[in-house]
Amino acid sequence: MPQLNPNPWFMILALSWMVFLIVVPAKVWSHLTPNEPTPMNEEKHKTEPWDWPW
């Protein structure tokens, strides 16, 4: 049964993990967002009590 022979499959597993651990994070870290988020204004809203008409 050739699928039980670990010789070619171990190298495929090791190389695929090397791609995931080296190449993919480098591409993700180099990504820049087009619009940097700006902080929201922290001014508190002025609230007034509402007198009910009844």
N, C-alpha and C. Protein backbone atom coordinates (compact mmCIF):
# COMPACT_ATOMS: atom_id res chain seq x y z
N MET A 1 0.84 -1.18 0.00
CA MET A 1 0.00 0.00 0.00
C MET A 1 0.89 1.25 0.00
N PRO A 2 0.89 2.01 -1.07
CA PRO A 2 1.81 3.14 -1.17
C PRO A 2 1.47 4.29 -0.22
N GLN A 3 0.21 4.41 0.21
CA GLN A 3 -0.13 5.53 1.08
C GLN A 3 0.46 5.38 2.48
N LEU A 4 0.92 4.19 2.84
CA LEU A 4 1.54 3.99 4.14
C LEU A 4 3.03 4.28 4.11
N ASN A 5 3.60 4.52 2.95
CA ASN A 5 5.01 4.84 2.84
C ASN A 5 5.17 6.32 3.17
N PRO A 6 5.82 6.69 4.29
CA PRO A 6 5.89 8.09 4.69
C PRO A 6 6.94 8.89 3.94
N ASN A 7 7.69 8.25 3.08
CA ASN A 7 8.80 8.93 2.45
C ASN A 7 8.37 10.15 1.61
N PRO A 8 7.49 10.04 0.62
CA PRO A 8 7.14 11.26 -0.13
C PRO A 8 6.17 12.16 0.62
N TRP A 9 5.31 11.58 1.46
CA TRP A 9 4.26 12.37 2.10
C TRP A 9 4.79 13.26 3.21
N PHE A 10 5.84 12.81 3.89
CA PHE A 10 6.40 13.65 4.94
C PHE A 10 7.02 14.92 4.36
N MET A 11 7.69 14.82 3.23
CA MET A 11 8.28 16.01 2.60
C MET A 11 7.19 16.95 2.11
N ILE A 12 6.11 16.41 1.58
CA ILE A 12 4.99 17.25 1.15
C ILE A 12 4.39 17.97 2.35
N LEU A 13 4.22 17.26 3.46
CA LEU A 13 3.69 17.86 4.67
C LEU A 13 4.62 18.94 5.19
N ALA A 14 5.90 18.66 5.24
CA ALA A 14 6.87 19.62 5.76
C ALA A 14 6.95 20.86 4.87
N LEU A 15 6.96 20.69 3.57
CA LEU A 15 7.04 21.84 2.67
C LEU A 15 5.76 22.68 2.71
N SER A 16 4.61 22.04 2.83
CA SER A 16 3.37 22.82 2.90
C SER A 16 3.31 23.62 4.19
N TRP A 17 3.81 23.04 5.31
CA TRP A 17 3.83 23.80 6.56
C TRP A 17 4.84 24.94 6.50
N MET A 18 5.94 24.74 5.80
CA MET A 18 6.91 25.83 5.64
C MET A 18 6.28 26.98 4.87
N VAL A 19 5.47 26.68 3.86
CA VAL A 19 4.79 27.73 3.11
C VAL A 19 3.82 28.47 4.02
N PHE A 20 3.06 27.73 4.81
CA PHE A 20 2.09 28.38 5.69
C PHE A 20 2.77 29.20 6.79
N LEU A 21 3.92 28.76 7.27
CA LEU A 21 4.56 29.45 8.39
C LEU A 21 5.50 30.55 7.97
N ILE A 22 5.96 30.57 6.72
CA ILE A 22 6.94 31.58 6.29
C ILE A 22 6.35 32.52 5.25
N VAL A 23 5.78 31.99 4.19
CA VAL A 23 5.35 32.82 3.07
C VAL A 23 4.05 33.55 3.38
N VAL A 24 3.07 32.84 3.89
CA VAL A 24 1.75 33.44 4.11
C VAL A 24 1.78 34.55 5.16
N PRO A 25 2.42 34.39 6.34
CA PRO A 25 2.45 35.52 7.29
C PRO A 25 3.19 36.74 6.74
N ALA A 26 4.22 36.52 5.93
CA ALA A 26 4.93 37.67 5.36
C ALA A 26 4.00 38.46 4.42
N LYS A 27 3.17 37.78 3.68
CA LYS A 27 2.24 38.47 2.79
C LYS A 27 1.15 39.18 3.60
N VAL A 28 0.71 38.59 4.69
CA VAL A 28 -0.34 39.21 5.51
C VAL A 28 0.22 40.43 6.22
N TRP A 29 1.43 40.34 6.77
CA TRP A 29 2.02 41.47 7.49
C TRP A 29 2.34 42.64 6.57
N SER A 30 2.59 42.38 5.28
CA SER A 30 2.92 43.47 4.37
C SER A 30 1.67 44.19 3.86
N HIS A 31 0.49 43.67 4.19
CA HIS A 31 -0.75 44.29 3.72
C HIS A 31 -1.00 45.60 4.47
N LEU A 32 -1.33 46.64 3.74
CA LEU A 32 -1.66 47.93 4.32
C LEU A 32 -3.12 48.24 4.05
N THR A 33 -3.81 48.75 5.03
CA THR A 33 -5.20 49.11 4.81
C THR A 33 -5.24 50.42 4.04
N PRO A 34 -6.16 50.59 3.10
CA PRO A 34 -6.20 51.81 2.31
C PRO A 34 -6.58 53.04 3.13
N ASN A 35 -7.45 52.89 4.09
CA ASN A 35 -7.88 54.01 4.92
C ASN A 35 -7.63 53.65 6.38
N GLU A 36 -6.69 54.34 6.98
CA GLU A 36 -6.42 54.09 8.40
C GLU A 36 -7.59 54.59 9.23
N PRO A 37 -8.01 53.85 10.23
CA PRO A 37 -9.14 54.31 11.06
C PRO A 37 -8.75 55.52 11.89
N THR A 38 -9.67 56.45 12.00
CA THR A 38 -9.42 57.65 12.80
C THR A 38 -10.15 57.51 14.13
N PRO A 39 -9.59 58.01 15.20
CA PRO A 39 -10.27 57.88 16.49
C PRO A 39 -11.55 58.71 16.53
N MET A 40 -12.53 58.18 17.20
CA MET A 40 -13.81 58.88 17.31
C MET A 40 -13.68 60.03 18.30
N ASN A 41 -14.48 61.05 18.10
CA ASN A 41 -14.51 62.17 19.02
C ASN A 41 -15.20 61.71 20.30
N GLU A 42 -14.55 61.93 21.43
CA GLU A 42 -15.09 61.43 22.69
C GLU A 42 -15.91 62.49 23.43
N GLU A 43 -16.46 63.43 22.70
CA GLU A 43 -17.29 64.47 23.32
C GLU A 43 -18.61 63.84 23.76
N LYS A 44 -18.99 64.08 25.01
CA LYS A 44 -20.24 63.51 25.51
C LYS A 44 -21.41 64.36 25.02
N HIS A 45 -22.49 63.68 24.68
CA HIS A 45 -23.67 64.36 24.22
C HIS A 45 -24.40 64.99 25.41
N LYS A 46 -24.93 66.16 25.17
CA LYS A 46 -25.70 66.83 26.22
C LYS A 46 -27.12 66.28 26.19
N THR A 47 -27.50 65.68 27.27
CA THR A 47 -28.86 65.13 27.34
C THR A 47 -29.68 65.96 28.29
N GLU A 48 -30.93 66.16 27.94
CA GLU A 48 -31.86 66.93 28.78
C GLU A 48 -33.03 66.04 29.12
N PRO A 49 -33.58 66.17 30.30
CA PRO A 49 -34.76 65.35 30.63
C PRO A 49 -35.95 65.78 29.77
N TRP A 50 -36.76 64.83 29.47
CA TRP A 50 -37.92 65.10 28.61
C TRP A 50 -39.17 65.13 29.47
N ASP A 51 -39.87 66.24 29.43
CA ASP A 51 -41.12 66.34 30.19
C ASP A 51 -42.24 65.70 29.39
N TRP A 52 -42.85 64.71 29.99
CA TRP A 52 -43.94 64.02 29.30
C TRP A 52 -45.20 64.91 29.35
N PRO A 53 -45.99 64.93 28.27
CA PRO A 53 -47.13 65.83 28.22
C PRO A 53 -48.32 65.40 29.09
N TRP A 54 -48.33 64.25 29.72
CA TRP A 54 -49.49 63.88 30.54
C TRP A 54 -49.24 64.00 31.99
